Amino acid sequence: MKFGWRGRRNASAVSRWPGSGFAESTLAQLAWERTRNAVARWGWAGALVGTACAVVVFAPAAWLAKAVAAGSQQRLLLADARGTVWNGSAVPVLTGGADSRSAAVLPGRVDWTLGLHGLGLEFRLRQPCCMTSEVVLQLRPGLGRLGVQLVRSADALGEWPAAWLAGLGAPWNTLQLAGTLRLSSPGLSLDMAAGRWRIVGQADLELNDIQSPLATLDRLGSYRVQVVGAGAADQGPTLTLSTLDGTLLMSGQGQWTGTHLRFRGEARAAPGFESALDNLLNIFGRRQGALSLISIG
């Protein structure tokens, strides 16, 4: 009887002592491992979110410069871009495109701020040399589409030297125009969807007191280029060239198809100024008697 009782007691002690302590230690270790892994996952997630936020907030202005260059096919460059995408400045440069060696720089920097506006963004432009007030663009991004609206202003959008056009290459670098370019708009909006642009509204570009060393006259005249959006996605905006005053008379009509412009116009000298403008008319286009036929696209 004593032997049996001791055997049961020893068996109970063996089963109670090693098994229970080992199980508790194993469970505690597993719980610690799970907690550590969870903390590590949250730590990595927090680091990634923080990095993404920092990239967005401190995105360099050079990123915006690259987007503008790509969108304009390298014809408008934002050189020496400083700051961030949200608050920066750069020097506007006109060029003839990716393979062109011509370039013209404006005398002053352009400053911008980009911020939230409702469900979209608001882009504000300032240029002390050439803009009397801010130019405000409201951007409405969407799934596969983008809307851009120019906020209407009572003043002209800006006034720039006509010599800036020389950066676009031929024939502007040959004409070497002097005078001013004045841009205004009663309202303009652009909507892009499925790779197509729809333009609604109007913009007027006035070329005032234009001069050229290719003519013996001190002043050629003043002209207006008017762009009117057709409103339909399958119809590009129309372009109209007219003469406001002067001795060089120009007129014409054109239309954009996609990114291509098809324009047909003519230039001629006012009576009594034929000899003074003959050399200039030869450069504008193909001569047909007193006319110079202008053809683009």
Protein backbone atom coordinates (compact mmCIF):
# COMPACT_ATOMS: atom_id res chain seq x y z
CA MET A 1 0.00 0.00 0.00
CA LYS A 2 2.83 2.38 0.80
CA PHE A 3 4.50 1.64 -2.49
CA GLY A 4 1.36 2.37 -4.45
CA TRP A 5 0.73 5.64 -2.68
CA ARG A 6 4.23 6.91 -3.25
CA GLY A 7 4.05 5.95 -6.91
CA ARG A 8 0.86 7.92 -7.37
CA ARG A 9 2.35 10.89 -5.52
CA ASN A 10 5.51 10.89 -7.60
CA ALA A 11 3.59 10.51 -10.82
CA SER A 12 1.36 13.43 -9.89
CA ALA A 13 4.37 15.61 -9.06
CA VAL A 14 6.11 14.79 -12.33
CA SER A 15 3.04 15.54 -14.38
CA ARG A 16 2.36 18.78 -12.50
CA TRP A 17 5.84 20.36 -12.35
CA PRO A 18 7.46 20.12 -15.81
CA GLY A 19 4.32 20.38 -17.94
CA SER A 20 2.67 23.46 -16.51
CA GLY A 21 5.79 25.64 -16.36
CA PHE A 22 6.85 24.85 -19.91
CA ALA A 23 3.39 25.59 -21.31
CA GLU A 24 3.17 28.93 -19.55
CA SER A 25 6.62 29.93 -20.79
CA THR A 26 5.79 28.95 -24.36
CA LEU A 27 2.51 30.90 -24.39
CA ALA A 28 4.20 33.99 -22.98
CA GLN A 29 6.90 33.80 -25.62
CA LEU A 30 4.35 33.42 -28.43
CA ALA A 31 2.37 36.41 -27.12
CA TRP A 32 5.55 38.50 -27.03
CA GLU A 33 6.45 37.49 -30.59
CA ARG A 34 2.99 38.47 -31.83
CA THR A 35 3.17 41.83 -30.06
CA ARG A 36 6.65 42.53 -31.42
CA ASN A 37 5.61 41.66 -34.98
CA ALA A 38 2.51 43.85 -34.73
CA VAL A 39 4.57 46.77 -33.44
CA ALA A 40 7.09 46.27 -36.24
CA ARG A 41 4.34 46.21 -38.89
CA TRP A 42 2.79 49.40 -37.54
CA GLY A 43 6.21 50.99 -37.37
CA TRP A 44 6.93 50.23 -41.02
CA ALA A 45 3.47 51.43 -42.03
CA GLY A 46 3.98 54.67 -40.12
CA ALA A 47 7.38 55.19 -41.72
CA LEU A 48 5.95 54.65 -45.21
CA VAL A 49 3.03 57.02 -44.60
CA GLY A 50 5.38 59.63 -43.17
CA THR A 51 7.72 59.32 -46.14
CA ALA A 52 4.82 59.62 -48.59
CA CYS A 53 3.52 62.72 -46.81
CA ALA A 54 6.98 64.27 -46.82
CA VAL A 55 7.37 63.58 -50.54
CA VAL A 56 4.00 65.25 -51.26
CA VAL A 57 4.55 68.25 -49.00
CA PHE A 58 8.15 68.89 -50.00
CA ALA A 59 7.92 67.84 -53.67
CA PRO A 60 10.54 69.98 -55.46
CA ALA A 61 9.56 72.69 -57.93
CA ALA A 62 11.62 70.85 -60.55
CA TRP A 63 8.85 68.24 -60.75
CA LEU A 64 6.38 70.91 -61.87
CA ALA A 65 8.95 72.25 -64.34
CA LYS A 66 9.26 68.78 -65.90
CA ALA A 67 5.48 68.46 -66.19
CA VAL A 68 5.17 71.87 -67.91
CA ALA A 69 7.99 71.05 -70.33
CA ALA A 70 6.41 67.71 -71.24
CA GLY A 71 2.93 69.22 -71.63
CA SER A 72 4.20 72.01 -73.91
CA GLN A 73 6.45 69.70 -75.96
CA GLN A 74 9.50 71.56 -74.60
CA ARG A 75 8.27 74.94 -75.92
CA LEU A 76 7.73 76.45 -72.47
CA LEU A 77 10.38 75.81 -69.85
CA LEU A 78 10.51 76.81 -66.20
CA ALA A 79 14.24 77.34 -65.77
CA ASP A 80 16.03 77.63 -62.42
CA ALA A 81 12.98 76.28 -60.58
CA ARG A 82 13.17 76.92 -56.83
CA GLY A 83 11.01 75.94 -53.88
CA THR A 84 8.36 73.25 -54.03
CA VAL A 85 5.46 72.26 -56.25
CA TRP A 86 3.19 74.05 -53.76
CA ASN A 87 5.15 77.27 -53.41
CA GLY A 88 7.93 78.07 -55.86
CA SER A 89 9.32 80.26 -58.60
CA ALA A 90 11.10 79.91 -61.94
CA VAL A 91 12.23 81.83 -65.03
CA PRO A 92 9.89 81.35 -68.06
CA VAL A 93 11.71 80.43 -71.26
CA LEU A 94 10.23 80.01 -74.75
CA THR A 95 11.96 77.59 -77.10
CA GLY A 96 11.35 76.09 -80.53
CA GLY A 97 10.99 72.58 -79.10
CA ALA A 98 13.16 69.68 -78.06
CA ASP A 99 15.53 69.89 -81.06
CA SER A 100 15.62 73.68 -81.31
CA ARG A 101 18.59 75.83 -80.33
CA SER A 102 16.57 79.03 -80.06
CA ALA A 103 15.44 80.28 -76.66
CA ALA A 104 14.23 83.55 -75.18
CA VAL A 105 14.09 84.36 -71.46
CA LEU A 106 11.68 86.78 -69.79
CA PRO A 107 13.31 89.47 -67.63
CA GLY A 108 11.56 88.43 -64.39
CA ARG A 109 10.74 85.30 -62.42
CA VAL A 110 7.23 83.91 -62.10
CA ASP A 111 6.03 82.89 -58.62
CA TRP A 112 3.28 80.40 -57.92
CA THR A 113 1.31 78.87 -55.10
CA LEU A 114 -0.74 75.69 -55.37
CA GLY A 115 -3.32 74.82 -52.73
CA LEU A 116 -6.59 73.06 -52.08
CA HIS A 117 -9.83 74.65 -53.29
CA GLY A 118 -13.00 72.72 -52.54
CA LEU A 119 -12.64 69.31 -54.18
CA GLY A 120 -9.86 70.54 -56.46
CA LEU A 121 -6.77 72.71 -56.53
CA GLU A 122 -6.12 76.40 -57.07
CA PHE A 123 -3.02 77.60 -58.92
CA ARG A 124 -2.01 81.26 -58.44
CA LEU A 125 0.60 82.93 -60.67
CA ARG A 126 2.41 86.20 -60.05
CA GLN A 127 5.01 87.95 -62.20
CA PRO A 128 5.94 91.49 -61.11
CA CYS A 129 7.50 92.41 -64.44
CA CYS A 130 4.52 91.55 -66.60
CA MET A 131 1.36 90.80 -64.58
CA THR A 132 -0.59 93.59 -62.89
CA SER A 133 -2.49 91.09 -60.70
CA GLU A 134 -2.57 87.40 -59.87
CA VAL A 135 -3.68 84.91 -62.50
CA VAL A 136 -5.82 82.24 -60.86
CA LEU A 137 -6.45 78.80 -62.34
CA GLN A 138 -8.79 76.30 -60.70
CA LEU A 139 -7.96 72.64 -61.35
CA ARG A 140 -10.56 69.88 -61.06
CA PRO A 141 -8.85 66.49 -61.34
CA GLY A 142 -10.97 63.39 -61.78
CA LEU A 143 -10.82 59.79 -62.87
CA GLY A 144 -9.29 59.97 -66.35
CA ARG A 145 -10.14 63.65 -66.74
CA LEU A 146 -8.92 67.11 -65.81
CA GLY A 147 -10.71 70.44 -65.78
CA VAL A 148 -8.94 73.82 -65.81
CA GLN A 149 -10.83 77.08 -65.38
CA LEU A 150 -9.37 80.54 -65.65
CA VAL A 151 -10.89 82.77 -62.98
CA ARG A 152 -12.24 85.87 -64.67
CA SER A 153 -10.42 89.13 -64.00
CA ALA A 154 -11.27 92.70 -64.93
CA ASP A 155 -7.64 93.40 -65.86
CA ALA A 156 -5.56 91.89 -68.64
CA LEU A 157 -3.82 88.68 -67.68
CA GLY A 158 -0.44 90.16 -68.51
CA GLU A 159 1.74 92.14 -70.92
CA TRP A 160 5.03 90.77 -72.20
CA PRO A 161 7.71 91.97 -74.67
CA ALA A 162 7.09 90.76 -78.22
CA ALA A 163 10.79 89.92 -78.48
CA TRP A 164 10.00 86.87 -76.30
CA LEU A 165 8.48 85.19 -79.40
CA ALA A 166 11.95 84.88 -80.93
CA GLY A 167 12.50 81.91 -78.66
CA LEU A 168 9.97 79.88 -80.66
CA GLY A 169 12.38 79.74 -83.60
CA ALA A 170 11.49 80.34 -87.25
CA PRO A 171 10.04 82.64 -88.41
CA TRP A 172 9.96 84.60 -85.15
CA ASN A 173 13.73 84.64 -84.67
CA THR A 174 14.07 86.04 -88.19
CA LEU A 175 11.40 88.73 -87.76
CA GLN A 176 12.92 89.95 -84.45
CA LEU A 177 9.71 91.67 -83.46
CA ALA A 178 9.58 94.51 -80.95
CA GLY A 179 6.45 95.77 -79.21
CA THR A 180 4.19 94.22 -76.57
CA LEU A 181 1.96 91.17 -76.22
CA ARG A 182 -1.20 91.75 -74.18
CA LEU A 183 -3.26 88.72 -73.15
CA SER A 184 -6.84 89.01 -71.87
CA SER A 185 -9.86 86.76 -71.52
CA PRO A 186 -13.52 87.25 -70.56
CA GLY A 187 -13.55 83.62 -69.39
CA LEU A 188 -11.95 80.36 -70.44
CA SER A 189 -12.20 76.73 -69.34
CA LEU A 190 -10.56 73.56 -70.59
CA ASP A 191 -11.71 69.99 -69.96
CA MET A 192 -9.66 66.94 -70.85
CA ALA A 193 -11.17 63.47 -71.06
CA ALA A 194 -9.94 60.39 -72.89
CA GLY A 195 -7.00 62.37 -74.29
CA ARG A 196 -9.21 65.04 -75.88
CA TRP A 197 -9.51 68.69 -74.91
CA ARG A 198 -12.75 70.63 -74.92
CA ILE A 199 -12.35 74.41 -74.74
CA VAL A 200 -15.11 76.81 -73.79
CA GLY A 201 -14.65 80.57 -73.78
CA GLN A 202 -12.36 83.06 -75.43
CA ALA A 203 -8.85 84.52 -75.18
CA ASP A 204 -7.47 87.56 -76.99
CA LEU A 205 -3.80 88.23 -77.68
CA GLU A 206 -3.02 91.75 -78.88
CA LEU A 207 0.31 92.52 -80.55
CA ASN A 208 0.67 96.25 -80.05
CA ASP A 209 3.05 98.70 -81.78
CA ILE A 210 4.91 95.93 -83.58
CA GLN A 211 8.26 96.71 -85.20
CA SER A 212 10.80 94.70 -87.18
CA PRO A 213 14.30 95.52 -88.44
CA LEU A 214 13.33 93.86 -91.74
CA ALA A 215 11.15 96.84 -92.60
CA THR A 216 12.25 100.42 -93.10
CA LEU A 217 9.25 101.71 -91.15
CA ASP A 218 9.37 102.57 -87.46
CA ARG A 219 6.03 100.85 -86.81
CA LEU A 220 4.16 98.09 -88.62
CA GLY A 221 0.89 98.23 -86.69
CA SER A 222 -1.19 96.50 -84.01
CA TYR A 223 -2.97 93.15 -84.39
CA ARG A 224 -5.33 90.82 -82.56
CA VAL A 225 -5.28 87.03 -82.40
CA GLN A 226 -8.58 85.73 -81.03
CA VAL A 227 -9.02 82.13 -79.87
CA VAL A 228 -12.60 80.90 -79.39
CA GLY A 229 -13.48 77.48 -78.01
CA ALA A 230 -16.00 75.49 -80.02
CA GLY A 231 -17.27 73.73 -76.91
CA ALA A 232 -17.53 70.32 -78.60
CA ALA A 233 -14.94 67.64 -77.84
CA ASP A 234 -14.59 66.74 -81.52
CA GLN A 235 -14.00 70.36 -82.62
CA GLY A 236 -10.88 72.30 -81.80
CA PRO A 237 -10.82 76.01 -81.01
CA THR A 238 -10.78 78.50 -83.86
CA LEU A 239 -8.20 81.22 -84.35
CA THR A 240 -8.78 84.56 -86.06
CA LEU A 241 -6.08 87.08 -87.01
CA SER A 242 -7.07 90.67 -87.70
CA THR A 243 -5.39 94.07 -88.07
CA LEU A 244 -6.27 96.81 -85.59
CA ASP A 245 -4.26 99.52 -87.36
CA GLY A 246 -1.02 100.01 -89.26
CA THR A 247 0.68 99.81 -92.63
CA LEU A 248 1.10 96.00 -92.67
CA LEU A 249 -2.36 94.51 -93.11
CA MET A 250 -2.86 90.89 -92.00
CA SER A 251 -5.88 88.59 -91.71
CA GLY A 252 -6.57 84.87 -91.50
CA GLN A 253 -8.50 81.95 -90.02
CA GLY A 254 -7.35 78.73 -88.41
CA GLN A 255 -8.42 75.81 -86.27
CA TRP A 256 -6.68 73.39 -83.93
CA THR A 257 -7.09 69.66 -84.44
CA GLY A 258 -5.63 67.94 -81.43
CA THR A 259 -2.28 69.66 -80.94
CA HIS A 260 -1.94 70.69 -84.60
CA LEU A 261 -2.91 74.09 -85.99
CA ARG A 262 -4.14 74.58 -89.53
CA PHE A 263 -4.08 78.27 -90.47
CA ARG A 264 -4.56 80.13 -93.73
CA GLY A 265 -4.09 83.88 -94.01
CA GLU A 266 -2.61 86.73 -96.00
CA ALA A 267 -0.49 89.83 -95.50
CA ARG A 268 -0.20 92.91 -97.71
CA ALA A 269 1.06 96.47 -97.53
CA ALA A 270 -1.24 99.44 -97.18
CA PRO A 271 -1.32 101.63 -100.31
CA GLY A 272 1.87 103.66 -100.63
CA PHE A 273 4.00 101.36 -98.38
CA GLU A 274 4.65 98.50 -100.80
CA SER A 275 8.38 99.10 -101.25
CA ALA A 276 8.99 99.59 -97.50
CA LEU A 277 7.37 96.24 -96.70
CA ASP A 278 8.40 94.16 -99.71
CA ASN A 279 11.27 92.35 -97.95
CA LEU A 280 9.10 91.54 -94.95
CA LEU A 281 6.27 90.20 -97.10
CA ASN A 282 8.69 87.81 -98.83
CA ILE A 283 9.42 86.20 -95.44
CA PHE A 284 5.82 85.85 -94.33
CA GLY A 285 4.82 83.39 -97.03
CA ARG A 286 4.46 82.60 -100.72
CA ARG A 287 4.03 85.72 -102.81
CA GLN A 288 1.06 86.12 -105.07
CA GLY A 289 1.37 89.56 -106.54
CA ALA A 290 0.96 92.10 -103.77
CA LEU A 291 -0.15 89.41 -101.33
CA SER A 292 1.91 87.16 -99.12
CA LEU A 293 0.03 83.93 -98.47
CA ILE A 294 0.49 82.54 -94.95
CA SER A 295 0.05 78.79 -94.50
CA ILE A 296 0.56 76.78 -91.29
CA GLY A 297 -0.23 73.09 -91.07
